[in-house]
Protein backbone atom coordinates (compact mmCIF):
# COMPACT_ATOMS: atom_id res chain seq x y z
CA MET A 1 -0.06 0.09 0.12
CA SER A 2 1.67 3.19 -0.99
CA LYS A 3 1.51 6.40 1.27
CA LYS A 4 -1.22 9.18 0.63
CA LYS A 5 0.18 12.30 -0.69
CA ASN A 6 -2.00 14.98 0.99
CA LYS A 7 -0.07 18.22 0.12
CA THR A 8 -1.18 20.46 -2.45
CA PRO A 9 1.15 21.25 -5.29
CA GLU A 10 1.88 24.39 -3.62
CA GLU A 11 2.89 22.65 -0.20
CA ARG A 12 4.96 20.12 -2.50
CA ALA A 13 7.08 23.23 -3.98
CA ILE A 14 7.50 25.00 -0.85
CA HIS A 15 8.61 21.93 1.23
CA GLU A 16 11.02 21.12 -1.51
CA GLU A 17 12.70 24.65 -1.40
CA ALA A 18 12.90 24.19 2.18
CA VAL A 19 14.49 20.97 2.29
CA ARG A 20 17.11 22.46 -0.15
CA LEU A 21 17.84 25.15 1.82
CA ARG A 22 18.38 23.19 4.98
CA LYS A 23 20.72 21.15 2.95
CA MET A 24 22.72 24.36 2.15
CA THR A 25 25.97 24.92 3.76
CA ASP A 26 26.67 28.42 5.53
CA LYS A 27 28.86 29.32 2.67
CA GLN A 28 25.69 28.72 0.15
CA LEU A 29 23.14 30.39 2.60
CA VAL A 30 25.22 33.56 2.55
CA GLU A 31 25.54 33.56 -1.11
CA GLN A 32 21.92 32.70 -1.71
CA PHE A 33 20.72 35.61 0.82
CA HIS A 34 23.10 38.13 -1.08
CA ARG A 35 21.79 37.11 -4.50
CA ALA A 36 18.42 37.64 -3.24
CA ALA A 37 19.19 41.09 -1.77
CA GLU A 38 21.04 42.04 -4.80
CA PRO A 39 17.76 43.08 -7.01
CA GLU A 40 16.46 44.80 -3.73
CA MET A 41 20.11 46.82 -3.64
CA VAL A 42 20.22 47.44 -7.39
CA ASN A 43 16.82 49.44 -7.11
CA SER A 44 17.72 51.69 -4.26
CA PRO A 45 19.48 54.50 -4.09
CA SER A 46 22.03 53.37 -1.32
CA HIS A 47 23.72 50.95 -3.78
CA LYS A 48 26.17 53.50 -4.48
CA ALA A 49 27.48 53.12 -0.78
CA GLU A 50 29.75 49.92 -2.45
CA GLU A 51 31.52 52.31 -4.33
CA ALA A 52 32.21 55.03 -1.63
CA PRO A 53 35.48 54.39 0.46
CA LYS A 54 35.48 51.76 3.41
CA ASP A 55 36.02 54.57 6.30
CA ALA A 56 32.24 55.91 4.89
CA MET A 57 29.15 55.58 7.00
CA PRO A 58 27.61 51.79 6.56
CA ASN A 59 24.95 51.52 4.28
CA GLU A 60 21.82 53.30 5.46
CA ASN A 61 19.41 50.67 4.16
CA THR A 62 20.27 48.50 6.82
CA SER A 63 16.37 47.81 7.63
CA ALA A 64 15.93 45.03 5.09
CA ILE A 65 18.84 43.22 6.22
CA GLN A 66 17.93 43.69 9.92
CA LYS A 67 14.25 42.44 9.32
CA LEU A 68 15.84 39.38 7.46
CA LEU A 69 18.13 38.45 10.30
CA THR A 70 15.63 38.99 13.17
CA ALA A 71 12.85 36.96 11.23
CA LEU A 72 15.75 34.33 11.28
CA SER A 73 16.87 34.40 14.64
CA LYS A 74 13.24 34.14 15.68
CA GLY A 75 12.91 30.78 13.96
CA GLU A 76 10.50 32.12 10.78
CA CYS A 77 12.69 29.81 8.23
CA LYS A 78 12.75 26.29 9.41
CA GLY A 79 16.29 24.69 9.52
CA ILE A 80 18.20 27.81 10.36
CA LYS A 81 18.85 27.94 14.05
CA GLY A 82 20.72 30.60 16.24
CA ALA A 83 24.14 29.58 15.39
CA THR A 84 23.25 30.12 11.36
CA VAL A 85 22.07 33.68 12.44
CA TYR A 86 25.23 34.39 14.34
CA LYS A 87 27.66 33.50 11.46
CA ILE A 88 25.17 35.51 9.05
CA SER A 89 25.23 38.40 11.16
CA GLN A 90 28.88 38.53 11.73
CA PHE A 91 29.71 38.32 8.00
CA ALA A 92 27.08 41.00 7.30
CA ALA A 93 28.99 43.13 9.91
CA GLU A 94 32.58 42.32 8.61
CA LYS A 95 31.33 43.73 5.08
CA GLY A 96 29.73 46.60 6.57
CA LEU A 97 25.91 45.68 5.90
CA LEU A 98 24.83 46.34 9.34
């Protein structure tokens, strides 16, 4: 007797994406977040902060990154726990994103 499939196609797609994210290494997760943030940064006027010298003020649009880190630390993304959030936060701080 085979197992019943109770998930809708949308639920299956979400589940597959979640499984893919859980299998990623920390480096892959960070790269994924940067790729996801790139379109947002291209459209924002603060994108020119990358061209500024490193001694300049940090990126003014840190609210989106801060919201992401807060949501991750609250456990809103299954499979990403405190240690991973900490590493991502440290990496973002090193890059001047926070």
